[in-house]
Amino acid sequence: MKITYYGHSCFGIEAGGKRLLVDPFISENPLAAEIDVDGIRCDFVLLTHAHSDHIGDLERVMENNPEALIVGIWEIHARYAEKGYKTHPINKGGWWTFSFGRVKMVNAVHSSSFPDGAYAGEPAGFVLETPDGNIYIAGDTALTLDMKLIPMTCAPLDLAILPIGSNFTMNYKDAVMASQFIECNRIIGCHYDTFGFIKIEHEDAIAAFSAKGKELILMPIGTQKNL
């Protein structure tokens, strides 16, 4: 499994022979100015919710990847299916097997609306079980006891992507607890530093995870990591 960080909460994931893109928000992120949005190629786009800092470049990406499949909660599916894009609706607790592996949509505690204010269903996370490894993508969420259900209902995790920036999501201290709930020792941080409300001290965050025997990975934007 290869992970590419495009900034904020946007990741490329290569797994099961397919290319996945999570929460495409790049062009409006000044920290990701070097990323060529039009050069991104993907087979699937996974959307955790519909806030602008998670779908800002969705339609631009889809124009360049017209065969890609958008995977999201029912209301997100309905919005983009009406626009003519290929979509797959899924909802919390549900599993579906795609060509790259099996996906479960899980709970997230946050809010969700489209940039025009329309209702976008509820926020969610994803657990991906693939031939190349298993990964939890939390999306924007507070710490929640529902995370304890993940190791009870899913295969053991090799990696998790957790928000750590606070203010709009859990902070890195709560994320340490989340890593314990999900029984995962390797964490990639997201949703931090993009703007003033969510700037963090990197060394403090890394040390907080290390103190509990966990590894926090803070990927530079534009870099790749193999699982």
Protein backbone atom coordinates (compact mmCIF):
# COMPACT_ATOMS: atom_id res chain seq x y z
CA MET A 1 0.00 0.00 0.00
CA LYS A 2 1.34 3.40 -0.98
CA ILE A 3 0.07 6.57 0.72
CA THR A 4 0.50 10.04 -0.82
CA TYR A 5 -0.28 13.14 1.23
CA TYR A 6 -1.81 16.04 -0.67
CA GLY A 7 -2.33 18.22 2.40
CA HIS A 8 -5.02 18.82 5.03
CA SER A 9 -7.12 15.62 4.90
CA CYS A 10 -6.49 14.65 1.28
CA PHE A 11 -4.65 11.40 0.61
CA GLY A 12 -3.95 9.17 -2.33
CA ILE A 13 -3.96 5.46 -1.51
CA GLU A 14 -2.77 2.75 -3.86
CA ALA A 15 -4.18 -0.60 -2.76
CA GLY A 16 -5.47 -3.73 -4.42
CA GLY A 17 -4.16 -2.51 -7.76
CA LYS A 18 -6.38 0.60 -7.68
CA ARG A 19 -5.87 4.29 -6.95
CA LEU A 20 -8.05 5.88 -4.28
CA LEU A 21 -8.35 9.57 -3.47
CA VAL A 22 -9.72 10.70 -0.09
CA ASP A 23 -11.37 14.10 0.51
CA PRO A 24 -9.94 16.17 -2.38
CA PHE A 25 -9.16 19.66 -1.09
CA ILE A 26 -5.91 20.96 -2.58
CA SER A 27 -6.10 24.06 -4.77
CA GLU A 28 -7.45 26.31 -1.98
CA ASN A 29 -4.86 25.08 0.50
CA PRO A 30 -1.86 27.45 0.37
CA LEU A 31 0.34 24.77 1.93
CA ALA A 32 -0.34 22.51 -1.07
CA ALA A 33 0.51 25.07 -3.76
CA GLU A 34 3.05 22.74 -5.36
CA ILE A 35 0.51 19.95 -5.95
CA ASP A 36 -0.77 19.58 -9.53
CA VAL A 37 -4.45 18.82 -8.99
CA ASP A 38 -5.00 18.14 -12.68
CA GLY A 39 -2.26 15.53 -12.64
CA ILE A 40 -3.94 13.36 -10.01
CA ARG A 41 -5.30 10.09 -11.35
CA CYS A 42 -7.71 7.91 -9.40
CA ASP A 43 -10.19 5.08 -9.77
CA PHE A 44 -12.20 5.82 -6.62
CA VAL A 45 -12.90 8.94 -4.58
CA LEU A 46 -13.88 8.42 -0.93
CA LEU A 47 -15.67 11.31 0.76
CA THR A 48 -16.00 11.44 4.53
CA HIS A 49 -18.33 14.46 4.45
CA ALA A 50 -19.19 17.48 2.32
CA HIS A 51 -17.50 20.47 3.93
CA SER A 52 -15.60 22.60 1.44
CA ASP A 53 -12.23 21.62 2.90
CA HIS A 54 -12.96 18.02 1.94
CA ILE A 55 -14.71 18.29 -1.45
CA GLY A 56 -13.25 21.56 -2.77
CA ASP A 57 -11.57 19.93 -5.77
CA LEU A 58 -13.95 17.00 -6.26
CA GLU A 59 -15.52 18.14 -9.52
CA ARG A 60 -12.15 19.20 -10.94
CA VAL A 61 -10.75 15.76 -10.11
CA MET A 62 -13.76 14.06 -11.65
CA GLU A 63 -13.37 16.04 -14.88
CA ASN A 64 -9.89 14.55 -15.18
CA ASN A 65 -11.02 11.09 -14.05
CA PRO A 66 -14.47 10.62 -15.60
CA GLU A 67 -14.51 6.87 -14.95
CA ALA A 68 -13.77 7.25 -11.23
CA LEU A 69 -16.41 6.15 -8.72
CA ILE A 70 -17.43 8.47 -5.88
CA VAL A 71 -18.11 6.58 -2.64
CA GLY A 72 -20.06 8.46 0.01
CA ILE A 73 -23.06 8.54 2.28
CA TRP A 74 -26.48 8.55 0.60
CA GLU A 75 -26.91 12.31 0.40
CA ILE A 76 -23.47 12.80 -1.14
CA HIS A 77 -24.20 10.04 -3.64
CA ALA A 78 -27.52 11.65 -4.57
CA ARG A 79 -25.97 15.10 -5.11
CA TYR A 80 -23.24 13.87 -7.43
CA ALA A 81 -25.27 11.19 -9.21
CA GLU A 82 -27.65 13.98 -10.21
CA LYS A 83 -24.68 15.82 -11.69
CA GLY A 84 -23.91 12.78 -13.83
CA TYR A 85 -20.95 11.33 -11.94
CA LYS A 86 -20.54 7.66 -11.16
CA THR A 87 -21.35 7.05 -7.51
CA HIS A 88 -21.80 4.30 -4.94
CA PRO A 89 -24.04 5.04 -1.93
CA ILE A 90 -23.12 3.55 1.42
CA ASN A 91 -24.16 4.27 4.98
CA LYS A 92 -22.87 3.74 8.49
CA GLY A 93 -22.37 0.14 9.51
CA GLY A 94 -22.53 -1.09 5.93
CA TRP A 95 -19.87 -3.12 4.12
CA TRP A 96 -19.26 -3.25 0.38
CA THR A 97 -16.64 -5.09 -1.64
CA PHE A 98 -14.99 -3.08 -4.41
CA SER A 99 -12.29 -4.16 -6.84
CA PHE A 100 -9.54 -3.02 -4.43
CA GLY A 101 -10.98 -4.59 -1.27
CA ARG A 102 -13.75 -4.37 1.30
CA VAL A 103 -14.99 -1.09 2.79
CA LYS A 104 -17.00 -0.38 5.91
CA MET A 105 -18.47 3.02 6.65
CA VAL A 106 -18.18 3.87 10.35
CA ASN A 107 -19.35 6.65 12.60
CA ALA A 108 -17.74 10.08 12.92
CA VAL A 109 -18.81 12.84 15.31
CA HIS A 110 -18.78 16.13 13.41
CA SER A 111 -21.19 17.95 11.04
CA SER A 112 -21.72 17.92 7.29
CA SER A 113 -23.24 20.25 4.73
CA PHE A 114 -22.49 21.20 1.15
CA PRO A 115 -20.86 24.58 0.52
CA ASP A 116 -24.26 25.96 -0.56
CA GLY A 117 -25.70 25.02 2.84
CA ALA A 118 -27.67 21.99 1.65
CA TYR A 119 -27.92 18.96 3.91
CA ALA A 120 -25.21 16.43 3.15
CA GLY A 121 -26.16 13.59 5.45
CA GLU A 122 -23.85 12.81 8.34
CA PRO A 123 -20.05 12.66 8.54
CA ALA A 124 -18.42 9.26 8.46
CA GLY A 125 -15.16 7.37 8.41
CA PHE A 126 -14.02 4.34 6.43
CA VAL A 127 -12.27 1.10 7.23
CA LEU A 128 -10.53 -0.42 4.21
CA GLU A 129 -9.54 -4.09 4.18
CA THR A 130 -7.29 -4.68 1.17
CA PRO A 131 -4.75 -7.28 0.03
CA ASP A 132 -2.04 -4.69 0.79
CA GLY A 133 -3.15 -3.84 4.32
CA ASN A 134 -6.00 -2.55 6.44
CA ILE A 135 -6.49 1.15 7.14
CA TYR A 136 -8.95 3.30 9.09
CA ILE A 137 -9.70 6.76 7.70
CA ALA A 138 -11.41 8.62 10.51
CA GLY A 139 -12.49 11.76 8.67
CA ASP A 140 -13.28 14.81 10.79
CA THR A 141 -14.32 13.52 14.18
CA ALA A 142 -14.25 14.01 17.89
CA LEU A 143 -13.03 11.19 20.07
CA THR A 144 -15.89 8.71 20.39
CA LEU A 145 -16.38 5.38 22.14
CA ASP A 146 -17.72 4.04 18.84
CA MET A 147 -14.08 3.68 17.81
CA LYS A 148 -13.87 0.71 20.17
CA LEU A 149 -16.21 -1.17 17.83
CA ILE A 150 -13.67 -1.11 15.00
CA PRO A 151 -11.34 -3.84 16.32
CA MET A 152 -14.42 -5.81 17.35
CA THR A 153 -15.95 -5.79 13.85
CA CYS A 154 -13.05 -5.32 11.44
CA ALA A 155 -9.75 -7.01 10.68
CA PRO A 156 -6.71 -5.76 12.65
CA LEU A 157 -5.51 -2.37 11.43
CA ASP A 158 -2.08 -1.78 9.96
CA LEU A 159 -2.51 2.00 9.84
CA ALA A 160 -4.97 4.74 10.76
CA ILE A 161 -5.40 8.31 9.54
CA LEU A 162 -6.62 10.49 12.41
CA PRO A 163 -7.29 14.25 12.67
CA ILE A 164 -5.11 15.93 15.29
CA GLY A 165 -5.57 19.70 14.84
CA SER A 166 -8.23 20.39 17.50
CA ASN A 167 -10.86 23.17 17.33
CA PHE A 168 -12.88 21.44 14.57
CA THR A 169 -11.83 17.86 15.41
CA MET A 170 -10.15 16.00 18.24
CA ASN A 171 -6.69 17.17 19.26
CA TYR A 172 -3.59 15.00 19.29
CA LYS A 173 -4.10 14.02 22.93
CA ASP A 174 -7.56 12.66 22.13
CA ALA A 175 -6.11 11.05 19.02
CA VAL A 176 -3.69 9.11 21.21
CA MET A 177 -6.70 7.72 23.07
CA ALA A 178 -8.40 7.01 19.73
CA SER A 179 -5.36 4.97 18.66
CA GLN A 180 -5.81 2.89 21.81
CA PHE A 181 -9.52 2.42 21.14
CA ILE A 182 -8.86 1.18 17.60
CA GLU A 183 -5.83 -0.90 18.68
CA CYS A 184 -3.52 0.59 16.07
CA ASN A 185 0.09 1.62 16.67
CA ARG A 186 0.88 3.49 13.43
CA ILE A 187 -0.99 6.74 12.92
CA ILE A 188 -0.80 9.31 10.14
CA GLY A 189 -1.96 12.72 11.30
CA CYS A 190 -4.24 14.94 9.24
CA HIS A 191 -6.37 18.09 9.53
CA TYR A 192 -3.66 20.20 11.13
CA ASP A 193 -1.63 23.35 10.29
CA THR A 194 -3.74 24.32 7.26
CA PHE A 195 -5.00 27.50 8.90
CA GLY A 196 -4.64 29.27 12.21
CA PHE A 197 -7.29 27.44 14.20
CA ILE A 198 -5.57 24.07 13.77
CA LYS A 199 -1.85 24.75 13.97
CA ILE A 200 -0.03 22.33 16.28
CA GLU A 201 3.39 21.77 17.82
CA HIS A 202 4.70 18.78 15.87
CA GLU A 203 7.24 17.62 18.45
CA ASP A 204 4.67 17.67 21.25
CA ALA A 205 2.23 15.61 19.20
CA ILE A 206 4.86 13.04 18.22
CA ALA A 207 6.02 12.77 21.84
CA ALA A 208 2.46 12.22 23.11
CA PHE A 209 2.07 9.19 20.85
CA SER A 210 5.55 7.90 21.59
CA ALA A 211 4.82 7.97 25.32
CA LYS A 212 2.09 5.39 24.73
CA GLY A 213 4.22 3.21 22.44
CA LYS A 214 2.62 4.61 19.29
CA GLU A 215 4.11 6.14 16.14
CA LEU A 216 2.68 9.41 14.82
CA ILE A 217 3.67 10.08 11.22
CA LEU A 218 3.41 13.69 10.02
CA MET A 219 3.94 13.47 6.30
CA PRO A 220 5.28 16.48 4.38
CA ILE A 221 2.80 17.50 1.69
CA GLY A 222 3.55 15.84 -1.63
CA THR A 223 5.45 12.90 -0.14
CA GLN A 224 4.69 9.20 -0.31
CA LYS A 225 4.99 6.40 2.21
CA ASN A 226 4.78 2.65 1.75
CA LEU A 227 2.85 0.71 4.35
